[in-house]
């Protein structure tokens, strides 16, 4: 079914999370969670660190897919590629987009195919303005809300910053705050969703954080 961006939850001045898929220079598919904002009913924006593969791919290919999913396992394994059996996101997760040169996730609840129309870079990040080329959403039944999903996603997002800050002496105070937030998320998920997909992912995340030399 076709849909509009606002019907998928995009709103002005609201940061949203989705998985952005692009092609690497060698033709392999890349996917990573990204923050996006609605510019208008035909444009989305995202600001990405220059060191990220997604940033390099968007500059080269000028195209991507924005994949919406409530499967937390997909968020986790596209954030930490090493969590996959072979250290990369499985190729069978992807198929080609219909209108742009980019991959998309087969399992996505909705896919927004976009092309890059404007690029603004500084020393740290690049801001991309993207025009909607195609939007498709699966027709699915509504689901009850579980707080474990956003809590787990919050912990995953903070863990990416923990990995970046762990060896930076000037970031240790912020690192401690991030770790406290992650621990709070884990404790709450263990209470409201014990023995679930969410608690399993967070247990693996804690093991991963400890492997970076962080004490929890």
N, C-alpha and C. Protein backbone atom coordinates (compact mmCIF):
# COMPACT_ATOMS: atom_id res chain seq x y z
N UNK A 1 0.84 -1.19 0.00
CA UNK A 1 0.00 0.00 0.00
C UNK A 1 0.88 1.25 0.00
N UNK A 2 0.40 2.30 -0.62
CA UNK A 2 1.12 3.56 -0.58
C UNK A 2 0.75 4.30 0.69
N UNK A 3 1.59 5.25 1.09
CA UNK A 3 1.35 5.99 2.32
C UNK A 3 2.04 7.34 2.22
N UNK A 4 1.79 8.19 3.20
CA UNK A 4 2.47 9.47 3.30
C UNK A 4 3.45 9.41 4.46
N UNK A 5 4.47 10.27 4.40
CA UNK A 5 5.49 10.27 5.44
C UNK A 5 4.88 10.49 6.83
N UNK A 6 3.94 11.40 6.93
CA UNK A 6 3.35 11.69 8.24
C UNK A 6 2.56 10.50 8.79
N UNK A 7 1.99 9.69 7.91
CA UNK A 7 1.25 8.52 8.37
C UNK A 7 2.17 7.44 8.90
N UNK A 8 3.48 7.57 8.60
CA UNK A 8 4.48 6.63 9.11
C UNK A 8 5.14 7.13 10.38
N UNK A 9 4.73 8.30 10.85
CA UNK A 9 5.27 8.82 12.11
C UNK A 9 6.27 9.95 11.96
N UNK A 10 6.63 10.29 10.72
CA UNK A 10 7.55 11.42 10.52
C UNK A 10 6.81 12.73 10.79
N UNK A 11 7.44 13.61 11.57
CA UNK A 11 6.87 14.92 11.85
C UNK A 11 7.98 15.95 11.90
N UNK A 12 7.65 17.19 11.58
CA UNK A 12 8.64 18.26 11.63
C UNK A 12 9.13 18.45 13.06
N UNK A 13 10.44 18.74 13.19
CA UNK A 13 11.10 18.99 14.48
C UNK A 13 11.12 17.75 15.37
N UNK A 14 10.89 16.58 14.78
CA UNK A 14 10.92 15.33 15.53
C UNK A 14 12.01 14.43 14.97
N UNK A 15 12.98 14.07 15.81
CA UNK A 15 14.01 13.12 15.38
C UNK A 15 13.43 11.71 15.43
N UNK A 16 13.61 10.97 14.37
CA UNK A 16 13.12 9.60 14.28
C UNK A 16 14.28 8.66 13.95
N UNK A 17 14.10 7.39 14.21
CA UNK A 17 15.13 6.38 13.94
C UNK A 17 14.63 5.39 12.91
N UNK A 18 15.45 5.15 11.92
CA UNK A 18 15.16 4.13 10.91
C UNK A 18 16.48 3.56 10.43
N UNK A 19 16.40 2.50 9.66
CA UNK A 19 17.62 1.86 9.15
C UNK A 19 17.83 2.30 7.71
N UNK A 20 18.96 2.96 7.47
CA UNK A 20 19.28 3.48 6.14
C UNK A 20 20.20 2.48 5.44
N UNK A 21 19.78 2.05 4.26
CA UNK A 21 20.56 1.07 3.48
C UNK A 21 21.12 1.72 2.22
N UNK A 22 22.39 1.44 1.95
CA UNK A 22 23.09 1.98 0.78
C UNK A 22 23.99 0.91 0.19
N UNK A 23 24.51 1.18 -0.98
CA UNK A 23 25.49 0.28 -1.58
C UNK A 23 26.90 0.79 -1.32
N UNK A 24 27.79 -0.12 -0.91
CA UNK A 24 29.20 0.19 -0.78
C UNK A 24 29.84 0.29 -2.16
N UNK A 25 31.09 0.76 -2.19
CA UNK A 25 31.78 0.94 -3.48
C UNK A 25 31.95 -0.38 -4.22
N UNK A 26 32.01 -1.50 -3.49
CA UNK A 26 32.20 -2.80 -4.12
C UNK A 26 30.88 -3.47 -4.50
N UNK A 27 29.77 -2.78 -4.30
CA UNK A 27 28.47 -3.32 -4.67
C UNK A 27 27.76 -4.08 -3.57
N UNK A 28 28.43 -4.28 -2.43
CA UNK A 28 27.78 -4.96 -1.31
C UNK A 28 26.82 -4.00 -0.60
N UNK A 29 25.86 -4.57 0.10
CA UNK A 29 24.85 -3.75 0.79
C UNK A 29 25.33 -3.36 2.18
N UNK A 30 25.02 -2.15 2.56
CA UNK A 30 25.32 -1.64 3.90
C UNK A 30 24.03 -1.13 4.53
N UNK A 31 23.88 -1.36 5.82
CA UNK A 31 22.70 -0.85 6.53
C UNK A 31 23.10 -0.43 7.93
N UNK A 32 22.55 0.70 8.38
CA UNK A 32 22.85 1.20 9.71
C UNK A 32 21.71 2.09 10.19
N UNK A 33 21.37 2.03 11.48
CA UNK A 33 20.36 2.93 12.02
C UNK A 33 20.83 4.38 11.95
N UNK A 34 19.93 5.27 11.59
CA UNK A 34 20.24 6.69 11.46
C UNK A 34 19.09 7.52 12.00
N UNK A 35 19.42 8.71 12.47
CA UNK A 35 18.40 9.66 12.86
C UNK A 35 17.96 10.49 11.66
N UNK A 36 16.66 10.68 11.51
CA UNK A 36 16.12 11.44 10.38
C UNK A 36 15.11 12.47 10.86
N UNK A 37 14.97 13.53 10.05
CA UNK A 37 13.96 14.55 10.32
C UNK A 37 13.17 14.82 9.05
N UNK A 38 11.91 15.14 9.23
CA UNK A 38 11.05 15.52 8.12
C UNK A 38 11.27 16.99 7.78
N UNK A 39 11.59 17.27 6.50
CA UNK A 39 11.70 18.65 6.04
C UNK A 39 10.36 19.15 5.52
N UNK A 40 9.75 18.35 4.65
CA UNK A 40 8.39 18.59 4.16
C UNK A 40 7.86 17.26 3.66
N UNK A 41 6.69 17.25 3.02
CA UNK A 41 6.08 15.97 2.67
C UNK A 41 6.80 15.23 1.55
N UNK A 42 7.86 15.84 1.01
CA UNK A 42 8.63 15.19 -0.04
C UNK A 42 10.11 15.04 0.28
N UNK A 43 10.54 15.50 1.46
CA UNK A 43 11.97 15.50 1.76
C UNK A 43 12.26 15.10 3.21
N UNK A 44 13.32 14.30 3.37
CA UNK A 44 13.86 13.93 4.68
C UNK A 44 15.30 14.41 4.76
N UNK A 45 15.78 14.64 5.98
CA UNK A 45 17.18 15.02 6.17
C UNK A 45 17.84 14.11 7.18
N UNK A 46 19.14 13.94 7.04
CA UNK A 46 19.93 13.20 8.02
C UNK A 46 21.32 13.79 8.08
N UNK A 47 21.89 13.83 9.28
CA UNK A 47 23.24 14.34 9.50
C UNK A 47 24.10 13.19 9.98
N UNK A 48 25.17 12.89 9.23
CA UNK A 48 25.93 11.66 9.45
C UNK A 48 27.41 11.99 9.61
N UNK A 49 28.07 11.29 10.53
CA UNK A 49 29.51 11.46 10.71
C UNK A 49 30.23 11.11 9.41
N UNK A 50 31.24 11.91 9.08
CA UNK A 50 31.96 11.72 7.82
C UNK A 50 32.69 10.38 7.74
N UNK A 51 33.00 9.80 8.90
CA UNK A 51 33.72 8.53 8.92
C UNK A 51 32.81 7.33 8.66
N UNK A 52 31.50 7.53 8.67
CA UNK A 52 30.56 6.43 8.51
C UNK A 52 30.46 5.96 7.06
N UNK A 53 30.31 4.67 6.88
CA UNK A 53 30.16 4.11 5.53
C UNK A 53 28.93 4.68 4.84
N UNK A 54 27.85 4.87 5.58
CA UNK A 54 26.63 5.42 4.99
C UNK A 54 26.88 6.80 4.40
N UNK A 55 27.67 7.61 5.08
CA UNK A 55 28.00 8.95 4.58
C UNK A 55 28.76 8.86 3.26
N UNK A 56 29.78 8.03 3.23
CA UNK A 56 30.57 7.88 2.00
C UNK A 56 29.70 7.35 0.86
N UNK A 57 28.84 6.40 1.16
CA UNK A 57 28.00 5.81 0.12
C UNK A 57 26.98 6.80 -0.43
N UNK A 58 26.41 7.62 0.45
CA UNK A 58 25.44 8.62 0.00
C UNK A 58 26.10 9.67 -0.90
N UNK A 59 27.34 10.02 -0.58
CA UNK A 59 28.06 10.98 -1.42
C UNK A 59 28.35 10.39 -2.79
N UNK A 60 28.59 9.09 -2.83
CA UNK A 60 28.95 8.44 -4.09
C UNK A 60 27.73 8.06 -4.91
N UNK A 61 26.79 7.36 -4.29
CA UNK A 61 25.63 6.81 -5.01
C UNK A 61 24.44 7.77 -5.08
N UNK A 62 24.39 8.72 -4.16
CA UNK A 62 23.29 9.70 -4.13
C UNK A 62 21.92 9.04 -3.95
N UNK A 63 21.88 7.89 -3.29
CA UNK A 63 20.61 7.18 -3.13
C UNK A 63 20.66 6.28 -1.90
N UNK A 64 19.48 6.01 -1.35
CA UNK A 64 19.37 5.14 -0.18
C UNK A 64 17.93 4.69 -0.02
N UNK A 65 17.75 3.72 0.85
CA UNK A 65 16.40 3.37 1.30
C UNK A 65 16.34 3.61 2.80
N UNK A 66 15.20 4.12 3.24
CA UNK A 66 14.93 4.33 4.67
C UNK A 66 13.94 3.25 5.08
N UNK A 67 14.39 2.33 5.94
CA UNK A 67 13.62 1.14 6.27
C UNK A 67 13.05 1.23 7.68
N UNK A 68 11.74 1.11 7.78
CA UNK A 68 11.06 1.15 9.07
C UNK A 68 10.77 -0.27 9.53
N UNK A 69 11.16 -0.57 10.76
CA UNK A 69 10.92 -1.90 11.31
C UNK A 69 10.80 -1.81 12.82
N UNK A 70 10.01 -2.71 13.41
CA UNK A 70 9.92 -2.82 14.85
C UNK A 70 10.67 -4.06 15.34
N UNK A 71 11.45 -4.67 14.46
CA UNK A 71 12.25 -5.83 14.83
C UNK A 71 13.56 -5.35 15.45
N UNK A 72 13.68 -5.43 16.76
CA UNK A 72 14.85 -4.90 17.46
C UNK A 72 16.11 -5.66 17.08
N UNK A 73 15.98 -6.92 16.67
CA UNK A 73 17.13 -7.71 16.25
C UNK A 73 17.78 -7.10 15.01
N UNK A 74 16.97 -6.56 14.12
CA UNK A 74 17.50 -5.91 12.92
C UNK A 74 18.25 -4.63 13.30
N UNK A 75 17.70 -3.86 14.23
CA UNK A 75 18.41 -2.67 14.70
C UNK A 75 19.76 -3.05 15.30
N UNK A 76 19.75 -4.08 16.14
CA UNK A 76 20.98 -4.48 16.83
C UNK A 76 22.05 -4.96 15.85
N UNK A 77 21.65 -5.81 14.92
CA UNK A 77 22.64 -6.42 14.03
C UNK A 77 23.06 -5.53 12.87
N UNK A 78 22.34 -4.42 12.65
CA UNK A 78 22.84 -3.43 11.69
C UNK A 78 23.68 -2.37 12.40
N UNK A 79 23.52 -2.25 13.71
CA UNK A 79 24.38 -1.35 14.49
C UNK A 79 25.72 -2.01 14.75
N UNK A 80 25.69 -3.23 15.26
CA UNK A 80 26.91 -3.98 15.56
C UNK A 80 27.00 -5.16 14.60
N UNK A 81 27.66 -4.93 13.48
CA UNK A 81 27.74 -5.95 12.43
C UNK A 81 28.35 -7.24 12.95
N UNK A 82 29.29 -7.12 13.93
CA UNK A 82 29.96 -8.30 14.46
C UNK A 82 29.01 -9.21 15.23
N UNK A 83 27.80 -8.76 15.52
CA UNK A 83 26.81 -9.60 16.19
C UNK A 83 26.20 -10.63 15.24
N UNK A 84 26.42 -10.47 13.94
CA UNK A 84 25.94 -11.44 12.95
C UNK A 84 26.89 -12.63 12.88
N UNK A 85 26.40 -13.79 12.48
CA UNK A 85 27.22 -15.01 12.47
C UNK A 85 28.54 -14.87 11.72
N UNK A 86 28.57 -14.15 10.61
CA UNK A 86 29.79 -14.00 9.82
C UNK A 86 30.37 -12.60 9.90
N UNK A 87 29.90 -11.81 10.87
CA UNK A 87 30.46 -10.49 11.07
C UNK A 87 29.95 -9.42 10.14
N UNK A 88 29.00 -9.76 9.28
CA UNK A 88 28.38 -8.79 8.37
C UNK A 88 26.88 -9.06 8.31
N UNK A 89 26.13 -8.04 7.93
CA UNK A 89 24.69 -8.23 7.78
C UNK A 89 24.44 -9.20 6.63
N UNK A 90 23.64 -10.24 6.83
CA UNK A 90 23.43 -11.26 5.78
C UNK A 90 22.92 -10.66 4.47
N UNK A 91 23.48 -11.11 3.36
CA UNK A 91 23.06 -10.58 2.05
C UNK A 91 21.60 -10.90 1.76
N UNK A 92 21.10 -12.00 2.33
CA UNK A 92 19.71 -12.38 2.05
C UNK A 92 18.71 -11.45 2.74
N UNK A 93 19.19 -10.57 3.59
CA UNK A 93 18.30 -9.58 4.19
C UNK A 93 17.85 -8.52 3.18
N UNK A 94 18.58 -8.41 2.05
CA UNK A 94 18.38 -7.29 1.14
C UNK A 94 17.80 -7.69 -0.21
N UNK A 95 17.18 -6.71 -0.85
CA UNK A 95 16.81 -6.79 -2.25
C UNK A 95 16.96 -5.39 -2.84
N UNK A 96 16.92 -5.28 -4.16
CA UNK A 96 17.11 -3.98 -4.81
C UNK A 96 15.88 -3.09 -4.67
N UNK A 97 16.12 -1.79 -4.57
CA UNK A 97 15.02 -0.83 -4.59
C UNK A 97 14.40 -0.77 -5.98
N UNK A 98 13.21 -0.22 -6.05
CA UNK A 98 12.48 -0.12 -7.32
C UNK A 98 12.92 1.09 -8.15
N UNK A 99 13.25 2.21 -7.50
CA UNK A 99 13.45 3.47 -8.23
C UNK A 99 14.82 4.10 -8.07
N UNK A 100 15.62 3.65 -7.11
CA UNK A 100 16.94 4.24 -6.89
C UNK A 100 17.99 3.14 -6.78
N UNK A 101 19.26 3.53 -6.92
CA UNK A 101 20.35 2.56 -6.85
C UNK A 101 20.74 2.35 -5.38
N UNK A 102 19.96 1.52 -4.72
CA UNK A 102 20.17 1.23 -3.30
C UNK A 102 19.50 -0.08 -2.95
N UNK A 103 19.98 -0.74 -1.89
CA UNK A 103 19.29 -1.94 -1.40
C UNK A 103 18.18 -1.54 -0.43
N UNK A 104 17.30 -2.48 -0.14
CA UNK A 104 16.29 -2.28 0.90
C UNK A 104 16.15 -3.57 1.69
N UNK A 105 15.62 -3.47 2.89
CA UNK A 105 15.43 -4.65 3.74
C UNK A 105 14.15 -5.38 3.37
N UNK A 106 14.28 -6.67 3.11
CA UNK A 106 13.11 -7.47 2.75
C UNK A 106 12.06 -7.49 3.87
N UNK A 107 12.52 -7.43 5.10
CA UNK A 107 11.62 -7.59 6.24
C UNK A 107 11.01 -6.27 6.73
N UNK A 108 11.33 -5.17 6.08
CA UNK A 108 10.88 -3.86 6.57
C UNK A 108 9.36 -3.74 6.55
N UNK A 109 8.81 -3.05 7.53
CA UNK A 109 7.38 -2.77 7.56
C UNK A 109 7.01 -1.71 6.53
N UNK A 110 7.95 -0.80 6.27
CA UNK A 110 7.77 0.23 5.25
C UNK A 110 9.13 0.63 4.72
N UNK A 111 9.18 1.03 3.46
CA UNK A 111 10.43 1.45 2.82
C UNK A 111 10.21 2.78 2.11
N UNK A 112 11.10 3.72 2.37
CA UNK A 112 11.08 5.01 1.67
C UNK A 112 12.35 5.07 0.82
N UNK A 113 12.18 5.08 -0.50
CA UNK A 113 13.32 5.17 -1.41
C UNK A 113 13.61 6.65 -1.66
N UNK A 114 14.87 7.05 -1.48
CA UNK A 114 15.21 8.48 -1.58
C UNK A 114 16.44 8.70 -2.46
N UNK A 115 16.51 9.90 -3.02
CA UNK A 115 17.70 10.35 -3.75
C UNK A 115 18.21 11.62 -3.09
N UNK A 116 19.52 11.78 -3.07
CA UNK A 116 20.14 12.95 -2.43
C UNK A 116 20.02 14.16 -3.35
N UNK A 117 19.52 15.26 -2.82
CA UNK A 117 19.37 16.48 -3.62
C UNK A 117 20.24 17.63 -3.10
N UNK A 118 20.74 17.52 -1.87
CA UNK A 118 21.60 18.58 -1.34
C UNK A 118 22.53 18.00 -0.29
N UNK A 119 23.77 18.49 -0.28
CA UNK A 119 24.80 18.00 0.64
C UNK A 119 25.53 19.19 1.24
N UNK A 120 25.60 19.24 2.57
CA UNK A 120 26.35 20.29 3.26
C UNK A 120 27.28 19.62 4.26
N UNK A 121 28.60 19.83 4.10
CA UNK A 121 29.59 19.15 4.93
C UNK A 121 30.37 20.13 5.79
N UNK A 122 30.78 19.65 6.97
CA UNK A 122 31.77 20.35 7.77
C UNK A 122 32.85 19.35 8.16
N UNK A 123 33.72 19.70 9.08
CA UNK A 123 34.85 18.83 9.41
C UNK A 123 34.42 17.53 10.07
N UNK A 124 33.25 17.52 10.69
CA UNK A 124 32.81 16.35 11.46
C UNK A 124 31.68 15.57 10.80
N UNK A 125 30.69 16.29 10.26
CA UNK A 125 29.48 15.64 9.75
C UNK A 125 29.09 16.18 8.38
N UNK A 126 28.21 15.42 7.73
CA UNK A 126 27.60 15.85 6.48
C UNK A 126 26.09 15.76 6.61
N UNK A 127 25.42 16.85 6.22
CA UNK A 127 23.95 16.88 6.23
C UNK A 127 23.44 16.60 4.82
N UNK A 128 22.53 15.64 4.72
CA UNK A 128 21.95 15.25 3.44
C UNK A 128 20.47 15.59 3.42
N UNK A 129 20.04 16.26 2.36
CA UNK A 129 18.61 16.44 2.10
C UNK A 129 18.22 15.46 1.01
N UNK A 130 17.18 14.69 1.26
CA UNK A 130 16.82 13.60 0.35
C UNK A 130 15.37 13.74 -0.10
N UNK A 131 15.15 13.52 -1.39
CA UNK A 131 13.81 13.60 -1.96
C UNK A 131 13.20 12.20 -2.04
N UNK A 132 11.94 12.12 -1.67
CA UNK A 132 11.23 10.84 -1.72
C UNK A 132 10.95 10.46 -3.17
N UNK A 133 11.38 9.26 -3.55
CA UNK A 133 11.11 8.74 -4.89
C UNK A 133 10.01 7.68 -4.88
N UNK A 134 9.95 6.93 -3.79
CA UNK A 134 8.92 5.88 -3.67
C UNK A 134 8.72 5.59 -2.20
N UNK A 135 7.48 5.35 -1.82
CA UNK A 135 7.17 5.00 -0.44
C UNK A 135 6.18 3.85 -0.46
N UNK A 136 6.53 2.78 0.24
CA UNK A 136 5.64 1.62 0.29
C UNK A 136 5.58 1.09 1.71
N UNK A 137 4.38 0.77 2.16
CA UNK A 137 4.19 0.25 3.51
C UNK A 137 3.36 -1.02 3.46
N UNK A 138 3.79 -2.03 4.23
CA UNK A 138 3.00 -3.24 4.37
C UNK A 138 1.75 -2.94 5.20
N UNK A 139 0.66 -3.60 4.86
CA UNK A 139 -0.56 -3.44 5.66
C UNK A 139 -0.51 -4.47 6.78
N UNK A 140 -0.34 -3.98 8.02
CA UNK A 140 -0.21 -4.88 9.15
C UNK A 140 -1.20 -4.51 10.24
N UNK A 141 -1.54 -5.51 11.05
CA UNK A 141 -2.43 -5.27 12.18
C UNK A 141 -1.71 -4.43 13.23
N UNK A 142 -2.44 -3.57 13.93
CA UNK A 142 -1.84 -2.81 15.04
C UNK A 142 -1.31 -3.76 16.11
N UNK A 143 -0.27 -3.32 16.82
CA UNK A 143 0.30 -4.13 17.88
C UNK A 143 0.27 -3.36 19.19
N UNK A 144 0.16 -4.09 20.29
CA UNK A 144 0.21 -3.45 21.59
C UNK A 144 1.60 -2.83 21.79
N UNK A 145 1.66 -1.81 22.64
CA UNK A 145 2.91 -1.10 22.88
C UNK A 145 3.66 -1.77 24.02
N UNK A 146 4.95 -1.98 23.82
CA UNK A 146 5.81 -2.53 24.87
C UNK A 146 7.00 -1.59 25.06
N UNK A 147 7.21 -1.15 26.29
CA UNK A 147 8.31 -0.21 26.56
C UNK A 147 9.68 -0.83 26.33
N UNK A 148 9.77 -2.14 26.26
CA UNK A 148 11.07 -2.79 26.08
C UNK A 148 11.72 -2.42 24.75
N UNK A 149 10.91 -2.18 23.72
CA UNK A 149 11.46 -1.84 22.40
C UNK A 149 12.25 -0.52 22.44
N UNK A 150 11.65 0.61 22.84
CA UNK A 150 12.42 1.85 22.86
C UNK A 150 13.56 1.84 23.88
N UNK A 151 13.39 1.13 24.99
CA UNK A 151 14.47 1.04 25.97
C UNK A 151 15.67 0.31 25.40
N UNK A 152 15.41 -0.77 24.69
CA UNK A 152 16.50 -1.53 24.08
C UNK A 152 17.19 -0.72 22.99
N UNK A 153 16.40 -0.02 22.18
CA UNK A 153 16.97 0.83 21.14
C UNK A 153 17.81 1.95 21.74
N UNK A 154 17.34 2.52 22.85
CA UNK A 154 18.10 3.57 23.54
C UNK A 154 19.45 3.03 24.01
N UNK A 155 19.45 1.85 24.58
CA UNK A 155 20.70 1.25 25.06
C UNK A 155 21.66 0.98 23.90
N UNK A 156 21.14 0.47 22.79
CA UNK A 156 21.98 0.21 21.62
C UNK A 156 22.60 1.50 21.11
N UNK A 157 21.80 2.55 21.02
CA UNK A 157 22.29 3.84 20.53
C UNK A 157 23.38 4.40 21.44
N UNK A 158 23.15 4.34 22.76
CA UNK A 158 24.16 4.82 23.70
C UNK A 158 25.44 3.99 23.63
N UNK A 159 25.30 2.71 23.37
CA UNK A 159 26.48 1.84 23.30
C UNK A 159 27.41 2.24 22.16
N UNK A 160 26.87 2.77 21.07
CA UNK A 160 27.74 3.22 19.98
C UNK A 160 28.61 4.38 20.44
N UNK A 161 28.09 5.22 21.31
CA UNK A 161 28.87 6.34 21.84
C UNK A 161 29.86 5.85 22.89
N UNK A 162 29.48 4.84 23.66
CA UNK A 162 30.41 4.25 24.62
C UNK A 162 31.65 3.75 23.90
N UNK A 163 31.44 3.04 22.80
CA UNK A 163 32.58 2.50 22.04
C UNK A 163 33.46 3.63 21.52
N UNK A 164 32.85 4.75 21.13
CA UNK A 164 33.62 5.88 20.61
C UNK A 164 34.39 6.62 21.70
N UNK A 165 33.85 6.62 22.94
CA UNK A 165 34.43 7.43 24.02
C UNK A 165 35.35 6.65 24.95
N UNK A 166 35.36 5.33 24.85
CA UNK A 166 36.02 4.52 25.88
C UNK A 166 37.50 4.85 26.04
N UNK A 167 38.18 5.25 24.98
CA UNK A 167 39.61 5.55 25.05
C UNK A 167 39.92 7.04 24.99
N UNK A 168 38.90 7.87 25.26
CA UNK A 168 39.10 9.32 25.25
C UNK A 168 39.01 9.86 26.68
N UNK A 169 40.16 10.22 27.28
CA UNK A 169 40.16 10.68 28.68
C UNK A 169 39.22 11.84 28.96
N UNK A 170 39.06 12.75 28.00
CA UNK A 170 38.21 13.92 28.21
C UNK A 170 36.72 13.60 28.16
N UNK A 171 36.39 12.36 27.79
CA UNK A 171 34.98 11.97 27.65
C UNK A 171 34.51 11.03 28.77
N UNK A 172 35.33 10.85 29.81
CA UNK A 172 35.01 9.85 30.82
C UNK A 172 33.78 10.19 31.64
N UNK A 173 33.53 11.47 31.88
CA UNK A 173 32.33 11.85 32.62
C UNK A 173 31.07 11.54 31.82
N UNK A 174 31.12 11.87 30.53
CA UNK A 174 29.98 11.54 29.66
C UNK A 174 29.83 10.04 29.51
N UNK A 175 30.96 9.33 29.44
CA UNK A 175 30.93 7.87 29.35
C UNK A 175 30.21 7.27 30.55
N UNK A 176 30.50 7.78 31.73
CA UNK A 176 29.86 7.27 32.95
C UNK A 176 28.35 7.49 32.90
N UNK A 177 27.90 8.63 32.38
CA UNK A 177 26.47 8.90 32.26
C UNK A 177 25.81 7.95 31.28
N UNK A 178 26.49 7.68 30.18
CA UNK A 178 25.95 6.75 29.18
C UNK A 178 25.80 5.35 29.76
N UNK A 179 26.82 4.91 30.49
CA UNK A 179 26.78 3.58 31.08
C UNK A 179 25.66 3.46 32.11
N UNK A 180 25.45 4.53 32.88
CA UNK A 180 24.36 4.52 33.87
C UNK A 180 23.01 4.41 33.16
N UNK A 181 22.84 5.12 32.06
CA UNK A 181 21.59 5.05 31.31
C UNK A 181 21.37 3.64 30.76
N UNK A 182 22.43 3.05 30.20
CA UNK A 182 22.33 1.69 29.67
C UNK A 182 21.94 0.71 30.77
N UNK A 183 22.59 0.82 31.93
CA UNK A 183 22.26 -0.08 33.04
C UNK A 183 20.82 0.09 33.49
N UNK A 184 20.33 1.33 33.50
CA UNK A 184 18.93 1.57 33.87
C UNK A 184 17.97 0.93 32.85
N UNK A 185 18.32 1.04 31.57
CA UNK A 185 17.50 0.42 30.52
C UNK A 185 17.46 -1.09 30.69
N UNK A 186 18.62 -1.67 30.96
CA UNK A 186 18.70 -3.13 31.13
C UNK A 186 17.86 -3.57 32.33
N UNK A 187 17.97 -2.86 33.44
CA UNK A 187 17.22 -3.23 34.64
C UNK A 187 15.72 -3.18 34.40
N UNK A 188 15.26 -2.15 33.69
CA UNK A 188 13.83 -2.03 33.44
C UNK A 188 13.34 -3.09 32.47
N UNK A 189 14.12 -3.37 31.43
CA UNK A 189 13.73 -4.41 30.47
C UNK A 189 13.68 -5.77 31.16
N UNK A 190 14.65 -6.03 32.03
CA UNK A 190 14.64 -7.30 32.76
C UNK A 190 13.39 -7.45 33.62
N UNK A 191 12.83 -6.32 34.04
CA UNK A 191 11.62 -6.36 34.87
C UNK A 191 10.35 -6.51 34.04
N UNK A 192 10.26 -5.76 32.92
CA UNK A 192 9.00 -5.75 32.17
C UNK A 192 8.97 -6.76 31.02
N UNK A 193 10.17 -7.25 30.62
CA UNK A 193 10.21 -8.22 29.51
C UNK A 193 11.29 -9.27 29.77
N UNK A 194 11.19 -10.00 30.89
CA UNK A 194 12.21 -11.01 31.19
C UNK A 194 12.16 -12.16 30.19
N UNK A 195 13.32 -12.75 29.94
CA UNK A 195 13.41 -13.90 29.03
C UNK A 195 12.81 -13.61 27.66
N UNK A 196 13.01 -12.39 27.19
CA UNK A 196 12.47 -11.98 25.89
C UNK A 196 13.60 -11.72 24.90
N UNK A 197 13.23 -11.43 23.65
CA UNK A 197 14.20 -11.03 22.64
C UNK A 197 14.96 -9.79 23.10
N UNK A 198 14.27 -8.88 23.77
CA UNK A 198 14.88 -7.63 24.22
C UNK A 198 15.93 -7.89 25.30
N UNK A 199 15.58 -8.70 26.29
CA UNK A 199 16.53 -8.99 27.37
C UNK A 199 17.73 -9.77 26.85
N UNK A 200 17.50 -10.65 25.87
CA UNK A 200 18.61 -11.41 25.28
C UNK A 200 19.57 -10.49 24.54
N UNK A 201 19.03 -9.55 23.78
CA UNK A 201 19.88 -8.61 23.05
C UNK A 201 20.67 -7.74 24.02
N UNK A 202 20.04 -7.28 25.09
CA UNK A 202 20.74 -6.44 26.05
C UNK A 202 21.81 -7.21 26.80
N UNK A 203 21.58 -8.48 27.07
CA UNK A 203 22.62 -9.30 27.70
C UNK A 203 23.84 -9.41 26.79
N UNK A 204 23.59 -9.59 25.50
CA UNK A 204 24.68 -9.65 24.53
C UNK A 204 25.37 -8.29 24.43
N UNK A 205 24.59 -7.22 24.49
CA UNK A 205 25.17 -5.88 24.42
C UNK A 205 26.10 -5.62 25.60
N UNK A 206 25.70 -6.03 26.80
CA UNK A 206 26.56 -5.85 27.97
C UNK A 206 27.86 -6.63 27.82
N UNK A 207 27.78 -7.84 27.30
CA UNK A 207 29.01 -8.62 27.06
C UNK A 207 29.91 -7.89 26.06
N UNK A 208 29.30 -7.31 25.06
CA UNK A 208 30.06 -6.59 24.04
C UNK A 208 30.75 -5.36 24.64
N UNK A 209 30.02 -4.63 25.48
CA UNK A 209 30.60 -3.45 26.12
C UNK A 209 31.77 -3.85 27.01
N UNK A 210 31.62 -4.93 27.76
CA UNK A 210 32.72 -5.40 28.62
C UNK A 210 33.94 -5.80 27.79
N UNK A 211 33.71 -6.31 26.59
CA UNK A 211 34.83 -6.71 25.73
C UNK A 211 35.65 -5.51 25.26
N UNK A 212 35.08 -4.31 25.39
CA UNK A 212 35.82 -3.09 25.05
C UNK A 212 36.67 -2.59 26.21
N UNK A 213 36.66 -3.33 27.31
CA UNK A 213 37.44 -2.95 28.49
C UNK A 213 36.69 -2.06 29.45
N UNK A 214 35.38 -2.02 29.32
CA UNK A 214 34.54 -1.18 30.19
C UNK A 214 34.04 -2.02 31.35
N UNK A 215 34.12 -1.46 32.56
CA UNK A 215 33.61 -2.15 33.74
C UNK A 215 32.17 -1.74 33.99
N UNK A 216 31.30 -2.74 34.19
CA UNK A 216 29.89 -2.49 34.48
C UNK A 216 29.52 -3.14 35.82
